Amino acid sequence: MSVQERKERERAVRERLIVTTARELAEQQGWDAVTTRRLAERIEYSQPVLYSHFRGKREIIGAVALEGAAEMAVALRAATSPAGDPRARVTALARAYLDFAERNPAVYDAMFRLDGGLAFAREDTPKPLKDGFAALLESLGEVAGDGVHPALFTEVFWAALHGLATLTRAGRLPPEDAERRVELLVDRLAVL
């Protein structure tokens, strides 16, 4: 292995450590607790080393968001692949989405609430974000209904899921009705 390859590998390991540490700190204490100073202390590198990877917290949030989008896409596909019929796939997708948001609140915030400097719904949208949307579209496109553009339907269904995730987390919706909300969403929006 050349010196250059070793340096590149070490850089990738440091970058991975920064993102993992930021994510862990955000999940434990919230994003306000994630500062470059705290991250530098936790990873045992100087702040200039941290800045050599990311220009600041915004870019770190973006890196966490991209990682989260990739993980969410995997979770959605894993949940929907064994489901036989369209209703079962859409129901599994809704549950998996809401479960992901509940299990990963800081990552979910990085993906959809905080400014990570990422472009959404544009030509320059990063691949992990496009793949996250594609994971939704794969199950939802088939239940959009006649004359309804599948991507547009996916956006509306996604918005409903996001609203449920956000309102539930904020304690605005009673938790005992969570399953009934999923059933209502699937029954009323999807053409099955």
C-alpha atoms as a PDB file:
ATOM      1  CA  MET A   1       0.000   0.000   0.000  1.00  0.00           C
ATOM      2  CA  SER A   2       1.335   3.394  -0.952  1.00  0.00           C
ATOM      3  CA  VAL A   3       1.691   6.279   1.484  1.00  0.00           C
ATOM      4  CA  GLN A   4      -1.058   8.125  -0.374  1.00  0.00           C
ATOM      5  CA  GLU A   5      -3.454   5.157  -0.085  1.00  0.00           C
ATOM      6  CA  ARG A   6      -2.716   4.859   3.622  1.00  0.00           C
ATOM      7  CA  LYS A   7      -3.370   8.575   4.166  1.00  0.00           C
ATOM      8  CA  GLU A   8      -6.645   8.359   2.248  1.00  0.00           C
ATOM      9  CA  ARG A   9      -7.721   5.362   4.312  1.00  0.00           C
ATOM     10  CA  GLU A  10      -6.823   7.147   7.564  1.00  0.00           C
ATOM     11  CA  ARG A  11      -8.738  10.214   6.411  1.00  0.00           C
ATOM     12  CA  ALA A  12     -11.810   8.108   5.660  1.00  0.00           C
ATOM     13  CA  VAL A  13     -11.568   6.473   9.094  1.00  0.00           C
ATOM     14  CA  ARG A  14     -11.353   9.898  10.797  1.00  0.00           C
ATOM     15  CA  GLU A  15     -14.306  11.195   8.797  1.00  0.00           C
ATOM     16  CA  ARG A  16     -16.327   8.113   9.722  1.00  0.00           C
ATOM     17  CA  LEU A  17     -15.399   8.656  13.391  1.00  0.00           C
ATOM     18  CA  ILE A  18     -16.561  12.286  13.257  1.00  0.00           C
ATOM     19  CA  VAL A  19     -19.936  11.372  11.738  1.00  0.00           C
ATOM     20  CA  THR A  20     -20.496   8.447  14.101  1.00  0.00           C
ATOM     21  CA  THR A  21     -19.572  10.533  17.137  1.00  0.00           C
ATOM     22  CA  ALA A  22     -21.797  13.429  16.050  1.00  0.00           C
ATOM     23  CA  ARG A  23     -24.680  11.052  15.532  1.00  0.00           C
ATOM     24  CA  GLU A  24     -24.186   9.381  18.916  1.00  0.00           C
ATOM     25  CA  LEU A  25     -23.930  12.716  20.707  1.00  0.00           C
ATOM     26  CA  ALA A  26     -27.033  14.051  18.936  1.00  0.00           C
ATOM     27  CA  GLU A  27     -29.042  10.926  19.785  1.00  0.00           C
ATOM     28  CA  GLN A  28     -27.962  11.151  23.444  1.00  0.00           C
ATOM     29  CA  GLN A  29     -28.169  14.895  24.050  1.00  0.00           C
ATOM     30  CA  GLY A  30     -29.726  16.536  21.004  1.00  0.00           C
ATOM     31  CA  TRP A  31     -28.188  18.484  18.142  1.00  0.00           C
ATOM     32  CA  ASP A  32     -27.560  21.557  20.309  1.00  0.00           C
ATOM     33  CA  ALA A  33     -24.961  19.497  22.165  1.00  0.00           C
ATOM     34  CA  VAL A  34     -23.067  18.778  18.948  1.00  0.00           C
ATOM     35  CA  THR A  35     -20.358  21.402  18.622  1.00  0.00           C
ATOM     36  CA  THR A  36     -17.044  21.179  16.845  1.00  0.00           C
ATOM     37  CA  ARG A  37     -15.306  21.652  20.181  1.00  0.00           C
ATOM     38  CA  ARG A  38     -17.145  18.744  21.814  1.00  0.00           C
ATOM     39  CA  LEU A  39     -16.623  16.551  18.780  1.00  0.00           C
ATOM     40  CA  ALA A  40     -12.903  17.320  18.724  1.00  0.00           C
ATOM     41  CA  GLU A  41     -12.650  16.406  22.409  1.00  0.00           C
ATOM     42  CA  ARG A  42     -14.595  13.167  21.976  1.00  0.00           C
ATOM     43  CA  ILE A  43     -12.661  11.960  18.945  1.00  0.00           C
ATOM     44  CA  GLU A  44      -9.376  13.123  20.478  1.00  0.00           C
ATOM     45  CA  TYR A  45      -8.335  15.242  17.535  1.00  0.00           C
ATOM     46  CA  SER A  46      -7.900  18.987  17.340  1.00  0.00           C
ATOM     47  CA  GLN A  47     -10.599  21.246  15.937  1.00  0.00           C
ATOM     48  CA  PRO A  48      -8.405  22.045  12.884  1.00  0.00           C
ATOM     49  CA  VAL A  49      -8.378  18.317  12.061  1.00  0.00           C
ATOM     50  CA  LEU A  50     -12.162  18.261  12.300  1.00  0.00           C
ATOM     51  CA  TYR A  51     -12.351  21.335  10.044  1.00  0.00           C
ATOM     52  CA  SER A  52     -10.108  19.609   7.527  1.00  0.00           C
ATOM     53  CA  HIS A  53     -13.006  17.160   6.991  1.00  0.00           C
ATOM     54  CA  PHE A  54     -16.057  19.383   7.464  1.00  0.00           C
ATOM     55  CA  ARG A  55     -16.416  23.151   7.265  1.00  0.00           C
ATOM     56  CA  GLY A  56     -18.689  23.112  10.292  1.00  0.00           C
ATOM     57  CA  LYS A  57     -21.702  21.631  11.991  1.00  0.00           C
ATOM     58  CA  ARG A  58     -23.933  22.141   8.949  1.00  0.00           C
ATOM     59  CA  GLU A  59     -21.807  19.799   6.835  1.00  0.00           C
ATOM     60  CA  ILE A  60     -21.686  17.257   9.668  1.00  0.00           C
ATOM     61  CA  ILE A  61     -25.493  17.337   9.846  1.00  0.00           C
ATOM     62  CA  GLY A  62     -25.545  16.796   6.086  1.00  0.00           C
ATOM     63  CA  ALA A  63     -23.250  13.777   6.378  1.00  0.00           C
ATOM     64  CA  VAL A  64     -25.488  12.287   9.088  1.00  0.00           C
ATOM     65  CA  ALA A  65     -28.536  12.969   6.906  1.00  0.00           C
ATOM     66  CA  LEU A  66     -27.006  11.153   3.938  1.00  0.00           C
ATOM     67  CA  GLU A  67     -26.097   8.189   6.104  1.00  0.00           C
ATOM     68  CA  GLY A  68     -29.613   8.175   7.553  1.00  0.00           C
ATOM     69  CA  ALA A  69     -31.237   8.310   4.120  1.00  0.00           C
ATOM     70  CA  ALA A  70     -29.235   5.276   3.023  1.00  0.00           C
ATOM     71  CA  GLU A  71     -30.203   3.402   6.194  1.00  0.00           C
ATOM     72  CA  MET A  72     -33.856   4.340   5.823  1.00  0.00           C
ATOM     73  CA  ALA A  73     -33.912   3.123   2.212  1.00  0.00           C
ATOM     74  CA  VAL A  74     -32.511  -0.229   3.339  1.00  0.00           C
ATOM     75  CA  ALA A  75     -35.074  -0.470   6.157  1.00  0.00           C
ATOM     76  CA  LEU A  76     -37.988   0.371   3.851  1.00  0.00           C
ATOM     77  CA  ARG A  77     -36.944  -2.159   1.240  1.00  0.00           C
ATOM     78  CA  ALA A  78     -36.365  -4.843   3.862  1.00  0.00           C
ATOM     79  CA  ALA A  79     -39.823  -4.252   5.307  1.00  0.00           C
ATOM     80  CA  THR A  80     -41.634  -4.248   1.974  1.00  0.00           C
ATOM     81  CA  SER A  81     -39.854  -7.049   0.104  1.00  0.00           C
ATOM     82  CA  PRO A  82     -41.503  -9.963   1.938  1.00  0.00           C
ATOM     83  CA  ALA A  83     -44.997  -8.418   1.707  1.00  0.00           C
ATOM     84  CA  GLY A  84     -47.091 -10.155  -0.926  1.00  0.00           C
ATOM     85  CA  ASP A  85     -49.813  -7.777  -2.016  1.00  0.00           C
ATOM     86  CA  PRO A  86     -49.819  -3.995  -2.508  1.00  0.00           C
ATOM     87  CA  ARG A  87     -51.766  -3.283   0.704  1.00  0.00           C
ATOM     88  CA  ALA A  88     -49.323  -5.315   2.776  1.00  0.00           C
ATOM     89  CA  ARG A  89     -46.359  -3.559   1.113  1.00  0.00           C
ATOM     90  CA  VAL A  90     -47.745  -0.068   1.718  1.00  0.00           C
ATOM     91  CA  THR A  91     -48.666  -0.917   5.314  1.00  0.00           C
ATOM     92  CA  ALA A  92     -45.194  -2.384   5.917  1.00  0.00           C
ATOM     93  CA  LEU A  93     -43.617   0.703   4.337  1.00  0.00           C
ATOM     94  CA  ALA A  94     -45.609   3.067   6.577  1.00  0.00           C
ATOM     95  CA  ARG A  95     -44.739   1.115   9.710  1.00  0.00           C
ATOM     96  CA  ALA A  96     -41.050   0.891   8.767  1.00  0.00           C
ATOM     97  CA  TYR A  97     -40.885   4.624   8.067  1.00  0.00           C
ATOM     98  CA  LEU A  98     -42.507   5.541  11.377  1.00  0.00           C
ATOM     99  CA  ASP A  99     -40.354   3.021  13.252  1.00  0.00           C
ATOM    100  CA  PHE A 100     -37.197   4.479  11.688  1.00  0.00           C
ATOM    101  CA  ALA A 101     -38.226   8.013  12.708  1.00  0.00           C
ATOM    102  CA  GLU A 102     -38.970   6.863  16.256  1.00  0.00           C
ATOM    103  CA  ARG A 103     -35.766   4.841  16.694  1.00  0.00           C
ATOM    104  CA  ASN A 104     -33.483   7.506  15.179  1.00  0.00           C
ATOM    105  CA  PRO A 105     -34.840  10.916  16.206  1.00  0.00           C
ATOM    106  CA  ALA A 106     -31.581  12.845  15.778  1.00  0.00           C
ATOM    107  CA  VAL A 107     -30.884  11.241  12.407  1.00  0.00           C
ATOM    108  CA  TYR A 108     -34.455  11.950  11.336  1.00  0.00           C
ATOM    109  CA  ASP A 109     -33.990  15.585  12.376  1.00  0.00           C
ATOM    110  CA  ALA A 110     -30.779  15.762  10.361  1.00  0.00           C
ATOM    111  CA  MET A 111     -32.599  14.356   7.351  1.00  0.00           C
ATOM    112  CA  PHE A 112     -35.756  16.474   7.448  1.00  0.00           C
ATOM    113  CA  ARG A 113     -35.696  19.243  10.052  1.00  0.00           C
ATOM    114  CA  LEU A 114     -32.186  20.686  10.216  1.00  0.00           C
ATOM    115  CA  ASP A 115     -30.180  22.479   7.548  1.00  0.00           C
ATOM    116  CA  GLY A 116     -27.494  20.106   6.375  1.00  0.00           C
ATOM    117  CA  GLY A 117     -26.872  22.062   3.196  1.00  0.00           C
ATOM    118  CA  LEU A 118     -28.373  19.325   1.028  1.00  0.00           C
ATOM    119  CA  ALA A 119     -30.485  19.836  -2.071  1.00  0.00           C
ATOM    120  CA  PHE A 120     -33.829  18.052  -2.189  1.00  0.00           C
ATOM    121  CA  ALA A 121     -35.951  17.438  -5.283  1.00  0.00           C
ATOM    122  CA  ARG A 122     -33.392  18.942  -7.633  1.00  0.00           C
ATOM    123  CA  GLU A 123     -30.948  17.711 -10.217  1.00  0.00           C
ATOM    124  CA  ASP A 124     -28.052  18.000  -7.736  1.00  0.00           C
ATOM    125  CA  THR A 125     -29.804  16.049  -4.976  1.00  0.00           C
ATOM    126  CA  PRO A 126     -27.281  13.584  -3.514  1.00  0.00           C
ATOM    127  CA  LYS A 127     -27.739   9.933  -4.461  1.00  0.00           C
ATOM    128  CA  PRO A 128     -28.649   8.687  -0.934  1.00  0.00           C
ATOM    129  CA  LEU A 129     -31.552  11.160  -0.792  1.00  0.00           C
ATOM    130  CA  LYS A 130     -32.737  10.131  -4.246  1.00  0.00           C
ATOM    131  CA  ASP A 131     -32.488   6.482  -3.211  1.00  0.00           C
ATOM    132  CA  GLY A 132     -34.517   7.144  -0.047  1.00  0.00           C
ATOM    133  CA  PHE A 133     -37.282   8.632  -2.181  1.00  0.00           C
ATOM    134  CA  ALA A 134     -36.978   5.750  -4.650  1.00  0.00           C
ATOM    135  CA  ALA A 135     -37.515   3.290  -1.783  1.00  0.00           C
ATOM    136  CA  LEU A 136     -40.825   5.031  -1.073  1.00  0.00           C
ATOM    137  CA  LEU A 137     -41.784   5.246  -4.747  1.00  0.00           C
ATOM    138  CA  GLU A 138     -41.168   1.537  -5.342  1.00  0.00           C
ATOM    139  CA  SER A 139     -44.101   0.572  -3.117  1.00  0.00           C
ATOM    140  CA  LEU A 140     -46.274   3.657  -3.452  1.00  0.00           C
ATOM    141  CA  GLY A 141     -46.115   4.136  -7.219  1.00  0.00           C
ATOM    142  CA  GLU A 142     -48.254   1.065  -7.828  1.00  0.00           C
ATOM    143  CA  VAL A 143     -51.078   2.345  -5.584  1.00  0.00           C
ATOM    144  CA  ALA A 144     -51.247   5.952  -6.811  1.00  0.00           C
ATOM    145  CA  GLY A 145     -54.369   5.354  -8.855  1.00  0.00           C
ATOM    146  CA  ASP A 146     -55.311   6.059 -12.457  1.00  0.00           C
ATOM    147  CA  GLY A 147     -54.275   9.456 -13.733  1.00  0.00           C
ATOM    148  CA  VAL A 148     -52.172  10.231 -10.641  1.00  0.00           C
ATOM    149  CA  HIS A 149     -48.458  10.738 -11.170  1.00  0.00           C
ATOM    150  CA  PRO A 150     -46.693   8.131  -8.976  1.00  0.00           C
ATOM    151  CA  ALA A 151     -43.989  10.549  -7.761  1.00  0.00           C
ATOM    152  CA  LEU A 152     -46.591  13.156  -6.809  1.00  0.00           C
ATOM    153  CA  PHE A 153     -48.610  10.561  -4.903  1.00  0.00           C
ATOM    154  CA  THR A 154     -45.413   9.414  -3.178  1.00  0.00           C
ATOM    155  CA  GLU A 155     -44.705  12.993  -2.092  1.00  0.00           C
ATOM    156  CA  VAL A 156     -48.190  13.337  -0.577  1.00  0.00           C
ATOM    157  CA  PHE A 157     -48.004   9.978   1.197  1.00  0.00           C
ATOM    158  CA  TRP A 158     -44.490  10.797   2.442  1.00  0.00           C
ATOM    159  CA  ALA A 159     -45.748  14.158   3.744  1.00  0.00           C
ATOM    160  CA  ALA A 160     -48.484  12.352   5.668  1.00  0.00           C
ATOM    161  CA  LEU A 161     -45.937   9.922   7.152  1.00  0.00           C
ATOM    162  CA  HIS A 162     -43.648  12.800   8.073  1.00  0.00           C
ATOM    163  CA  GLY A 163     -46.543  14.596   9.736  1.00  0.00           C
ATOM    164  CA  LEU A 164     -47.421  11.495  11.745  1.00  0.00           C
ATOM    165  CA  ALA A 165     -43.799  10.976  12.765  1.00  0.00           C
ATOM    166  CA  THR A 166     -43.331  14.604  13.771  1.00  0.00           C
ATOM    167  CA  LEU A 167     -46.631  15.015  15.627  1.00  0.00           C
ATOM    168  CA  THR A 168     -46.246  11.702  17.438  1.00  0.00           C
ATOM    169  CA  ARG A 169     -42.740  12.557  18.569  1.00  0.00           C
ATOM    170  CA  ALA A 170     -43.912  15.952  19.811  1.00  0.00           C
ATOM    171  CA  GLY A 171     -46.606  14.254  21.905  1.00  0.00           C
ATOM    172  CA  ARG A 172     -49.387  15.856  19.864  1.00  0.00           C
ATOM    173  CA  LEU A 173     -51.037  12.542  18.953  1.00  0.00           C
ATOM    174  CA  PRO A 174     -52.117   9.846  21.411  1.00  0.00           C
ATOM    175  CA  PRO A 175     -49.781   6.859  21.020  1.00  0.00           C
ATOM    176  CA  GLU A 176     -52.532   4.280  21.475  1.00  0.00           C
ATOM    177  CA  ASP A 177     -53.998   5.194  18.063  1.00  0.00           C
ATOM    178  CA  ALA A 178     -50.755   4.809  16.099  1.00  0.00           C
ATOM    179  CA  GLU A 179     -51.765   1.597  14.347  1.00  0.00           C
ATOM    180  CA  ARG A 180     -55.216   2.943  13.483  1.00  0.00           C
ATOM    181  CA  ARG A 181     -53.580   5.995  11.892  1.00  0.00           C
ATOM    182  CA  VAL A 182     -51.450   3.768   9.660  1.00  0.00           C
ATOM    183  CA  GLU A 183     -54.509   1.751   8.626  1.00  0.00           C
ATOM    184  CA  LEU A 184     -56.478   4.918   7.889  1.00  0.00           C
ATOM    185  CA  LEU A 185     -53.632   6.384   5.854  1.00  0.00           C
ATOM    186  CA  VAL A 186     -53.261   3.229   3.790  1.00  0.00           C
ATOM    187  CA  ASP A 187     -57.010   2.719   3.344  1.00  0.00           C
ATOM    188  CA  ARG A 188     -57.840   6.312   2.376  1.00  0.00           C
ATOM    189  CA  LEU A 189     -54.859   7.329   0.266  1.00  0.00           C
ATOM    190  CA  ALA A 190     -53.725   4.191  -1.516  1.00  0.00           C
ATOM    191  CA  VAL A 191     -55.762   2.737  -4.374  1.00  0.00           C
ATOM    192  CA  LEU A 192     -55.716  -0.933  -3.485  1.00  0.00           C
END
